[in-house]
Amino acid sequence: MDYKALAGRIASLTDGETDSVSLMATVACEVHHSDDRFDWTGFYRVTQPGLLKIGPYQGGHGCLVIPFDKGVCGAAAKTGKVQLVADVHAFEGHIACASSTMSEIVLPVRDAVGNIIAVFDIDSDQPGAFDQGDADALEEILHSVFATRQLS
């Protein structure tokens, strides 16, 4: 996976943009089509305290609403930490939005003042598809897109 090239494409496509939904749509599309491991790629937005709602995504349907106390996405939002899950069936409380999902990575998305505004979720139909290298590269991309500009 060439994360440097991906980051460059995303930077070019999002240059000057401040609309958070437009940014999420662009990131989801670019990331989803960058690697065959990525079966579902998208955002769940914080729409009220303790609640995530589906945002822009690529792939099959997703869950519409996820409370912070449910699933991998909720865990990422609640703790503010990346969730690397090699086997979703071993994750207590996993929400099966798609039966094909075998592994998952979910990253908190922060704005310029550090508030969690969303989580970025990537599902794979392959077990153990993600590692710390993926987490580090994706965190850097998300930071450069969302935490470095005033969002509207």
N, C-alpha and C. Protein backbone atom coordinates (compact mmCIF):
# COMPACT_ATOMS: atom_id res chain seq x y z
N MET A 1 0.85 -1.19 0.00
CA MET A 1 0.00 0.00 0.00
C MET A 1 0.88 1.24 0.00
N ASP A 2 0.67 2.11 -0.97
CA ASP A 2 1.46 3.32 -1.09
C ASP A 2 0.72 4.49 -0.42
N TYR A 3 0.86 4.60 0.89
CA TYR A 3 0.16 5.64 1.62
C TYR A 3 0.67 7.04 1.27
N LYS A 4 1.93 7.15 0.89
CA LYS A 4 2.47 8.46 0.52
C LYS A 4 1.75 8.99 -0.73
N ALA A 5 1.56 8.14 -1.72
CA ALA A 5 0.85 8.55 -2.94
C ALA A 5 -0.61 8.86 -2.62
N LEU A 6 -1.23 8.03 -1.77
CA LEU A 6 -2.61 8.26 -1.38
C LEU A 6 -2.75 9.61 -0.67
N ALA A 7 -1.85 9.90 0.25
CA ALA A 7 -1.89 11.17 0.97
C ALA A 7 -1.73 12.35 0.00
N GLY A 8 -0.87 12.20 -0.98
CA GLY A 8 -0.68 13.25 -1.98
C GLY A 8 -1.94 13.50 -2.81
N ARG A 9 -2.61 12.42 -3.23
CA ARG A 9 -3.87 12.57 -3.99
C ARG A 9 -4.93 13.25 -3.15
N ILE A 10 -5.06 12.81 -1.91
CA ILE A 10 -6.08 13.40 -1.04
C ILE A 10 -5.77 14.87 -0.77
N ALA A 11 -4.52 15.21 -0.53
CA ALA A 11 -4.14 16.60 -0.30
C ALA A 11 -4.48 17.46 -1.51
N SER A 12 -4.19 16.96 -2.68
CA SER A 12 -4.48 17.71 -3.91
C SER A 12 -5.98 17.90 -4.10
N LEU A 13 -6.74 16.84 -3.88
CA LEU A 13 -8.19 16.91 -4.09
C LEU A 13 -8.91 17.76 -3.05
N THR A 14 -8.37 17.86 -1.85
CA THR A 14 -9.06 18.57 -0.78
C THR A 14 -8.48 19.96 -0.50
N ASP A 15 -7.50 20.37 -1.26
CA ASP A 15 -6.85 21.66 -1.04
C ASP A 15 -7.88 22.79 -1.01
N GLY A 16 -7.91 23.52 0.10
CA GLY A 16 -8.79 24.67 0.24
C GLY A 16 -10.21 24.34 0.67
N GLU A 17 -10.58 23.08 0.72
CA GLU A 17 -11.95 22.70 1.09
C GLU A 17 -12.10 22.72 2.62
N THR A 18 -13.24 23.21 3.10
CA THR A 18 -13.51 23.24 4.53
C THR A 18 -14.80 22.51 4.91
N ASP A 19 -15.61 22.12 3.94
CA ASP A 19 -16.85 21.42 4.24
C ASP A 19 -16.54 20.00 4.68
N SER A 20 -16.92 19.67 5.92
CA SER A 20 -16.53 18.37 6.48
C SER A 20 -17.14 17.19 5.72
N VAL A 21 -18.37 17.32 5.23
CA VAL A 21 -18.98 16.21 4.50
C VAL A 21 -18.29 16.00 3.16
N SER A 22 -17.95 17.08 2.46
CA SER A 22 -17.20 16.95 1.21
C SER A 22 -15.84 16.31 1.43
N LEU A 23 -15.20 16.70 2.50
CA LEU A 23 -13.90 16.11 2.82
C LEU A 23 -14.04 14.63 3.14
N MET A 24 -15.05 14.26 3.92
CA MET A 24 -15.27 12.86 4.26
C MET A 24 -15.57 12.03 3.01
N ALA A 25 -16.39 12.57 2.12
CA ALA A 25 -16.73 11.84 0.89
C ALA A 25 -15.49 11.59 0.05
N THR A 26 -14.64 12.58 -0.06
CA THR A 26 -13.42 12.45 -0.87
C THR A 26 -12.46 11.46 -0.25
N VAL A 27 -12.24 11.56 1.06
CA VAL A 27 -11.34 10.63 1.75
C VAL A 27 -11.86 9.20 1.63
N ALA A 28 -13.15 8.99 1.89
CA ALA A 28 -13.72 7.65 1.83
C ALA A 28 -13.52 7.04 0.44
N CYS A 29 -13.78 7.81 -0.59
CA CYS A 29 -13.64 7.32 -1.96
C CYS A 29 -12.19 6.98 -2.28
N GLU A 30 -11.29 7.88 -2.00
CA GLU A 30 -9.89 7.66 -2.33
C GLU A 30 -9.30 6.48 -1.57
N VAL A 31 -9.58 6.40 -0.28
CA VAL A 31 -9.04 5.30 0.52
C VAL A 31 -9.65 3.97 0.06
N HIS A 32 -10.95 3.95 -0.14
CA HIS A 32 -11.63 2.70 -0.51
C HIS A 32 -11.04 2.08 -1.78
N HIS A 33 -10.77 2.91 -2.76
CA HIS A 33 -10.30 2.42 -4.05
C HIS A 33 -8.78 2.25 -4.13
N SER A 34 -8.10 2.44 -3.00
CA SER A 34 -6.64 2.37 -3.01
C SER A 34 -6.08 0.99 -2.66
N ASP A 35 -6.92 0.08 -2.14
CA ASP A 35 -6.40 -1.20 -1.68
C ASP A 35 -7.50 -2.25 -1.72
N ASP A 36 -7.21 -3.43 -2.24
CA ASP A 36 -8.20 -4.50 -2.34
C ASP A 36 -8.63 -5.05 -0.98
N ARG A 37 -7.87 -4.76 0.06
CA ARG A 37 -8.27 -5.22 1.39
C ARG A 37 -9.51 -4.49 1.89
N PHE A 38 -9.78 -3.32 1.37
CA PHE A 38 -10.82 -2.44 1.90
C PHE A 38 -12.16 -2.79 1.27
N ASP A 39 -13.03 -3.41 2.06
CA ASP A 39 -14.33 -3.88 1.60
C ASP A 39 -15.43 -2.84 1.85
N TRP A 40 -15.32 -2.12 2.94
CA TRP A 40 -16.25 -1.03 3.29
C TRP A 40 -15.41 0.06 3.93
N THR A 41 -15.61 1.29 3.49
CA THR A 41 -14.78 2.41 3.94
C THR A 41 -15.67 3.62 4.15
N GLY A 42 -15.71 4.14 5.36
CA GLY A 42 -16.55 5.31 5.55
C GLY A 42 -16.47 5.92 6.92
N PHE A 43 -17.27 6.95 7.08
CA PHE A 43 -17.29 7.75 8.29
C PHE A 43 -18.61 7.56 9.04
N TYR A 44 -18.50 7.59 10.36
CA TYR A 44 -19.64 7.74 11.23
C TYR A 44 -19.43 9.05 11.96
N ARG A 45 -20.37 9.99 11.80
CA ARG A 45 -20.24 11.34 12.35
C ARG A 45 -20.85 11.42 13.74
N VAL A 46 -20.21 12.19 14.61
CA VAL A 46 -20.78 12.48 15.92
C VAL A 46 -21.88 13.53 15.68
N THR A 47 -23.14 13.13 15.91
CA THR A 47 -24.26 14.03 15.66
C THR A 47 -24.89 14.56 16.93
N GLN A 48 -24.61 13.91 18.03
CA GLN A 48 -25.00 14.39 19.36
C GLN A 48 -24.15 13.64 20.36
N PRO A 49 -24.08 14.11 21.60
CA PRO A 49 -23.21 13.43 22.56
C PRO A 49 -23.54 11.93 22.64
N GLY A 50 -22.50 11.11 22.49
CA GLY A 50 -22.64 9.67 22.62
C GLY A 50 -23.28 8.96 21.45
N LEU A 51 -23.41 9.64 20.31
CA LEU A 51 -24.09 9.01 19.18
C LEU A 51 -23.39 9.29 17.85
N LEU A 52 -23.20 8.21 17.08
CA LEU A 52 -22.64 8.30 15.74
C LEU A 52 -23.73 8.00 14.72
N LYS A 53 -23.72 8.74 13.61
CA LYS A 53 -24.61 8.45 12.48
C LYS A 53 -23.77 8.32 11.23
N ILE A 54 -24.24 7.46 10.35
CA ILE A 54 -23.48 7.16 9.14
C ILE A 54 -23.25 8.43 8.33
N GLY A 55 -22.07 8.51 7.77
CA GLY A 55 -21.71 9.63 6.90
C GLY A 55 -21.31 9.10 5.54
N PRO A 56 -20.54 9.84 4.80
CA PRO A 56 -20.13 9.37 3.48
C PRO A 56 -19.35 8.06 3.58
N TYR A 57 -19.66 7.13 2.65
CA TYR A 57 -18.98 5.84 2.65
C TYR A 57 -18.97 5.24 1.26
N GLN A 58 -18.17 4.19 1.12
CA GLN A 58 -18.06 3.39 -0.10
C GLN A 58 -18.25 1.93 0.30
N GLY A 59 -18.99 1.19 -0.50
CA GLY A 59 -19.23 -0.22 -0.21
C GLY A 59 -20.71 -0.46 0.00
N GLY A 60 -21.04 -1.63 0.53
CA GLY A 60 -22.43 -1.97 0.81
C GLY A 60 -23.01 -1.11 1.91
N HIS A 61 -24.24 -1.43 2.31
CA HIS A 61 -24.89 -0.63 3.35
C HIS A 61 -24.10 -0.67 4.65
N GLY A 62 -24.29 0.35 5.46
CA GLY A 62 -23.69 0.40 6.79
C GLY A 62 -24.78 0.57 7.83
N CYS A 63 -24.43 0.46 9.08
CA CYS A 63 -25.38 0.73 10.16
C CYS A 63 -25.69 2.22 10.14
N LEU A 64 -26.93 2.58 10.39
CA LEU A 64 -27.30 3.99 10.34
C LEU A 64 -26.91 4.75 11.60
N VAL A 65 -27.05 4.10 12.76
CA VAL A 65 -26.78 4.75 14.04
C VAL A 65 -25.97 3.80 14.91
N ILE A 66 -24.94 4.34 15.56
CA ILE A 66 -24.13 3.55 16.48
C ILE A 66 -23.89 4.37 17.75
N PRO A 67 -24.39 3.91 18.89
CA PRO A 67 -24.07 4.58 20.16
C PRO A 67 -22.59 4.35 20.52
N PHE A 68 -22.03 5.28 21.27
CA PHE A 68 -20.63 5.17 21.69
C PHE A 68 -20.37 3.89 22.49
N ASP A 69 -21.37 3.31 23.10
CA ASP A 69 -21.15 2.11 23.91
C ASP A 69 -21.37 0.81 23.14
N LYS A 70 -21.42 0.88 21.81
CA LYS A 70 -21.63 -0.31 20.99
C LYS A 70 -20.56 -0.44 19.91
N GLY A 71 -20.07 -1.62 19.72
CA GLY A 71 -19.22 -1.95 18.57
C GLY A 71 -17.84 -1.31 18.56
N VAL A 72 -17.15 -1.59 17.49
CA VAL A 72 -15.78 -1.10 17.30
C VAL A 72 -15.79 0.41 17.07
N CYS A 73 -16.75 0.89 16.28
CA CYS A 73 -16.83 2.33 16.04
C CYS A 73 -17.13 3.09 17.32
N GLY A 74 -18.05 2.56 18.11
CA GLY A 74 -18.36 3.19 19.38
C GLY A 74 -17.15 3.23 20.31
N ALA A 75 -16.38 2.14 20.31
CA ALA A 75 -15.18 2.08 21.15
C ALA A 75 -14.16 3.15 20.74
N ALA A 76 -13.99 3.34 19.43
CA ALA A 76 -13.05 4.36 18.95
C ALA A 76 -13.52 5.75 19.35
N ALA A 77 -14.82 6.00 19.22
CA ALA A 77 -15.36 7.31 19.58
C ALA A 77 -15.27 7.55 21.08
N LYS A 78 -15.60 6.54 21.85
CA LYS A 78 -15.63 6.67 23.32
C LYS A 78 -14.24 6.84 23.91
N THR A 79 -13.27 6.06 23.40
CA THR A 79 -11.92 6.09 23.98
C THR A 79 -11.00 7.10 23.30
N GLY A 80 -11.34 7.49 22.07
CA GLY A 80 -10.46 8.37 21.31
C GLY A 80 -9.21 7.67 20.81
N LYS A 81 -9.26 6.34 20.79
CA LYS A 81 -8.09 5.54 20.37
C LYS A 81 -8.43 4.69 19.15
N VAL A 82 -7.42 4.48 18.32
CA VAL A 82 -7.57 3.60 17.15
C VAL A 82 -7.92 2.20 17.62
N GLN A 83 -8.84 1.59 16.93
CA GLN A 83 -9.23 0.20 17.21
C GLN A 83 -8.76 -0.67 16.04
N LEU A 84 -7.81 -1.55 16.30
CA LEU A 84 -7.31 -2.52 15.32
C LEU A 84 -7.88 -3.87 15.72
N VAL A 85 -8.77 -4.41 14.90
CA VAL A 85 -9.44 -5.65 15.26
C VAL A 85 -9.15 -6.70 14.18
N ALA A 86 -8.31 -7.66 14.52
CA ALA A 86 -7.92 -8.70 13.56
C ALA A 86 -9.04 -9.70 13.28
N ASP A 87 -9.91 -9.91 14.27
CA ASP A 87 -11.03 -10.84 14.14
C ASP A 87 -12.25 -10.22 14.80
N VAL A 88 -13.18 -9.70 13.99
CA VAL A 88 -14.33 -9.01 14.56
C VAL A 88 -15.20 -9.93 15.41
N HIS A 89 -15.17 -11.23 15.13
CA HIS A 89 -15.99 -12.18 15.91
C HIS A 89 -15.47 -12.34 17.34
N ALA A 90 -14.23 -11.95 17.58
CA ALA A 90 -13.65 -12.03 18.92
C ALA A 90 -13.81 -10.72 19.68
N PHE A 91 -14.34 -9.68 19.03
CA PHE A 91 -14.52 -8.38 19.67
C PHE A 91 -15.88 -8.36 20.35
N GLU A 92 -15.88 -8.32 21.68
CA GLU A 92 -17.13 -8.34 22.42
C GLU A 92 -17.95 -7.10 22.07
N GLY A 93 -19.19 -7.32 21.66
CA GLY A 93 -20.07 -6.22 21.31
C GLY A 93 -19.98 -5.77 19.87
N HIS A 94 -19.25 -6.50 19.04
CA HIS A 94 -19.14 -6.13 17.63
C HIS A 94 -20.53 -6.07 17.00
N ILE A 95 -20.76 -5.04 16.20
CA ILE A 95 -22.02 -4.89 15.48
C ILE A 95 -21.78 -5.39 14.05
N ALA A 96 -22.52 -6.40 13.65
CA ALA A 96 -22.34 -6.99 12.32
C ALA A 96 -23.23 -6.27 11.31
N CYS A 97 -22.73 -5.14 10.79
CA CYS A 97 -23.48 -4.43 9.75
C CYS A 97 -23.43 -5.21 8.44
N ALA A 98 -22.34 -5.95 8.22
CA ALA A 98 -22.20 -6.82 7.04
C ALA A 98 -21.59 -8.14 7.49
N SER A 99 -22.20 -9.23 7.09
CA SER A 99 -21.72 -10.55 7.52
C SER A 99 -20.37 -10.91 6.91
N SER A 100 -19.96 -10.21 5.85
CA SER A 100 -18.68 -10.50 5.19
C SER A 100 -17.47 -9.94 5.94
N THR A 101 -17.69 -9.03 6.89
CA THR A 101 -16.57 -8.39 7.59
C THR A 101 -15.85 -9.39 8.49
N MET A 102 -14.53 -9.46 8.31
CA MET A 102 -13.67 -10.34 9.11
C MET A 102 -12.75 -9.55 10.05
N SER A 103 -12.26 -8.40 9.58
CA SER A 103 -11.39 -7.56 10.40
C SER A 103 -11.74 -6.10 10.14
N GLU A 104 -11.23 -5.24 11.04
CA GLU A 104 -11.66 -3.84 10.99
C GLU A 104 -10.62 -2.95 11.62
N ILE A 105 -10.54 -1.73 11.11
CA ILE A 105 -9.77 -0.67 11.75
C ILE A 105 -10.67 0.55 11.83
N VAL A 106 -10.70 1.18 12.99
CA VAL A 106 -11.51 2.38 13.18
C VAL A 106 -10.63 3.43 13.85
N LEU A 107 -10.62 4.62 13.26
CA LEU A 107 -9.78 5.71 13.75
C LEU A 107 -10.62 6.91 14.13
N PRO A 108 -10.37 7.52 15.29
CA PRO A 108 -11.06 8.76 15.64
C PRO A 108 -10.64 9.87 14.69
N VAL A 109 -11.56 10.75 14.36
CA VAL A 109 -11.30 11.90 13.51
C VAL A 109 -11.50 13.15 14.36
N ARG A 110 -10.45 13.95 14.45
CA ARG A 110 -10.49 15.14 15.31
C ARG A 110 -10.45 16.42 14.47
N ASP A 111 -11.11 17.46 15.00
CA ASP A 111 -11.05 18.76 14.35
C ASP A 111 -9.82 19.52 14.84
N ALA A 112 -9.73 20.77 14.45
CA ALA A 112 -8.54 21.58 14.76
C ALA A 112 -8.33 21.82 16.25
N VAL A 113 -9.38 21.71 17.07
CA VAL A 113 -9.23 21.91 18.51
C VAL A 113 -9.18 20.59 19.27
N GLY A 114 -9.18 19.47 18.54
CA GLY A 114 -9.02 18.17 19.16
C GLY A 114 -10.30 17.43 19.49
N ASN A 115 -11.45 18.02 19.16
CA ASN A 115 -12.72 17.33 19.40
C ASN A 115 -12.92 16.19 18.40
N ILE A 116 -13.45 15.07 18.87
CA ILE A 116 -13.77 13.97 17.97
C ILE A 116 -15.06 14.33 17.24
N ILE A 117 -14.97 14.44 15.92
CA ILE A 117 -16.12 14.81 15.10
C ILE A 117 -16.69 13.61 14.36
N ALA A 118 -15.92 12.52 14.30
CA ALA A 118 -16.34 11.33 13.56
C ALA A 118 -15.36 10.21 13.87
N VAL A 119 -15.68 9.04 13.34
CA VAL A 119 -14.70 7.95 13.28
C VAL A 119 -14.64 7.50 11.83
N PHE A 120 -13.47 7.03 11.44
CA PHE A 120 -13.25 6.52 10.08
C PHE A 120 -13.10 5.02 10.20
N ASP A 121 -13.99 4.31 9.53
CA ASP A 121 -14.10 2.87 9.66
C ASP A 121 -13.74 2.19 8.35
N ILE A 122 -12.84 1.22 8.42
CA ILE A 122 -12.54 0.39 7.25
C ILE A 122 -12.72 -1.06 7.65
N ASP A 123 -13.58 -1.75 6.90
CA ASP A 123 -13.83 -3.18 7.11
C ASP A 123 -13.15 -3.96 6.00
N SER A 124 -12.72 -5.17 6.34
CA SER A 124 -12.13 -6.06 5.35
C SER A 124 -12.79 -7.42 5.43
N ASP A 125 -12.91 -8.06 4.27
CA ASP A 125 -13.42 -9.43 4.22
C ASP A 125 -12.28 -10.44 4.41
N GLN A 126 -11.10 -9.93 4.79
CA GLN A 126 -9.94 -10.77 5.08
C GLN A 126 -9.63 -10.69 6.58
N PRO A 127 -9.31 -11.80 7.21
CA PRO A 127 -8.92 -11.73 8.63
C PRO A 127 -7.55 -11.06 8.78
N GLY A 128 -7.36 -10.34 9.87
CA GLY A 128 -6.07 -9.72 10.17
C GLY A 128 -5.55 -8.81 9.09
N ALA A 129 -6.43 -8.06 8.44
CA ALA A 129 -6.04 -7.26 7.28
C ALA A 129 -5.26 -6.00 7.62
N PHE A 130 -5.32 -5.54 8.87
CA PHE A 130 -4.75 -4.24 9.22
C PHE A 130 -3.68 -4.38 10.30
N ASP A 131 -2.70 -3.47 10.25
CA ASP A 131 -1.65 -3.47 11.27
C ASP A 131 -1.36 -2.03 11.71
N GLN A 132 -0.38 -1.89 12.58
CA GLN A 132 -0.05 -0.58 13.12
C GLN A 132 0.44 0.37 12.03
N GLY A 133 1.08 -0.16 11.00
CA GLY A 133 1.51 0.69 9.87
C GLY A 133 0.33 1.34 9.18
N ASP A 134 -0.75 0.57 8.99
CA ASP A 134 -1.97 1.14 8.42
C ASP A 134 -2.52 2.22 9.34
N ALA A 135 -2.58 1.93 10.63
CA ALA A 135 -3.11 2.89 11.59
C ALA A 135 -2.32 4.20 11.57
N ASP A 136 -1.00 4.10 11.60
CA ASP A 136 -0.16 5.29 11.61
C ASP A 136 -0.35 6.14 10.35
N ALA A 137 -0.36 5.49 9.20
CA ALA A 137 -0.50 6.22 7.93
C ALA A 137 -1.88 6.85 7.80
N LEU A 138 -2.91 6.11 8.19
CA LEU A 138 -4.26 6.65 8.09
C LEU A 138 -4.47 7.79 9.10
N GLU A 139 -3.91 7.67 10.30
CA GLU A 139 -4.00 8.76 11.27
C GLU A 139 -3.37 10.03 10.72
N GLU A 140 -2.25 9.89 10.06
CA GLU A 140 -1.57 11.05 9.49
C GLU A 140 -2.43 11.71 8.41
N ILE A 141 -3.03 10.90 7.55
CA ILE A 141 -3.90 11.43 6.50
C ILE A 141 -5.10 12.15 7.12
N LEU A 142 -5.76 11.51 8.08
CA LEU A 142 -6.92 12.13 8.70
C LEU A 142 -6.56 13.44 9.40
N HIS A 143 -5.43 13.45 10.08
CA HIS A 143 -4.98 14.68 10.74
C HIS A 143 -4.77 15.80 9.72
N SER A 144 -4.11 15.48 8.61
CA SER A 144 -3.82 16.51 7.62
C SER A 144 -5.08 17.06 6.96
N VAL A 145 -6.11 16.25 6.86
CA VAL A 145 -7.36 16.69 6.23
C VAL A 145 -8.27 17.43 7.20
N PHE A 146 -8.43 16.93 8.41
CA PHE A 146 -9.45 17.46 9.30
C PHE A 146 -8.92 18.35 10.42
N ALA A 147 -7.75 18.09 10.94
CA ALA A 147 -7.26 18.84 12.10
C ALA A 147 -6.45 20.07 11.74
N THR A 148 -6.19 20.27 10.47
CA THR A 148 -5.34 21.39 10.06
C THR A 148 -6.12 22.54 9.42
N ARG A 149 -7.45 22.46 9.46
CA ARG A 149 -8.27 23.52 8.84
C ARG A 149 -9.53 23.75 9.65
N GLN A 150 -10.08 24.94 9.49
CA GLN A 150 -11.36 25.28 10.11
C GLN A 150 -12.46 24.65 9.28
N LEU A 151 -13.21 23.75 9.86
CA LEU A 151 -14.25 23.03 9.14
C LEU A 151 -15.58 23.76 9.19
N SER A 152 -16.32 23.60 8.12
CA SER A 152 -17.68 24.18 8.11
C SER A 152 -18.70 23.06 8.01
